[in-house]
């Protein structure tokens, strides 16, 4: 039996026909409700789950493509392809940030080689 969602979300205080189903009476982020009319004509309360956020890149802070937005507890049960991207640091860093890291590492190694060559040339000149 599928329930038809009532139009508009009002606070509980304005509508006295429904009451909380759980023993938590404060209007907190975790205690949001939706009023639903059942097929039998009864007005009942359904608790809303918190929305998940899209994971962001650790370096740039931009949203990661290819990773599903979810809450931490539901993320545990997701399959691996929904949590990561098949790349080094996939699901943690965006492609641009990873490219910058690779280029930086390459340039640092090149710099080391150049220093070594210059040092050997200087030693050969003496």
Foldseek 3Di string as FASTA:
>chain_A
DDWDFDPDADDCVVPVLEDDPDPDHDPDPQAGWGWIQGPVRHIYIDGDHDWFDADAAPPPRHGAPQADGDDPVVVVVDDPSNQFDPDVCTNHHHPVVVVVVVVVVVVVVVVVVVVVVVVVVVVVVD
